[in-house]
Amino acid sequence: MTTKLTLTVEKSVIERAKAYAKNTGRSLSEIIENYLETITQDGADPELSPKLKRIVGVVDLPKDFDEEEELRSRLEKKHL
């Protein structure tokens, strides 16, 4: 059984989402339903996109790697 759901979302997000749905041949309702189904499953991690699956493990980072520090450092170098 399906039921109607009303959401309030930024217009630009809706426009991009509609374009994505059209490009993938899916409805926006289907995409949102699949996402909600995925995140509400007990113990389930959201599935990685094919692009992310291809790059997982490509870069070996030290165990103490600090993403925030790295980003801050690179932004300082770029903008200073």
Foldseek 3Di string as FASTA:
>chain_A
DDDDDDDDDDPVVVVVLCVVCVVVVHDSVVVVVVVVVQVPDPPHDRDDDPVVVVCVPVDDDDPPDDPVVVVVVVVVVVPD
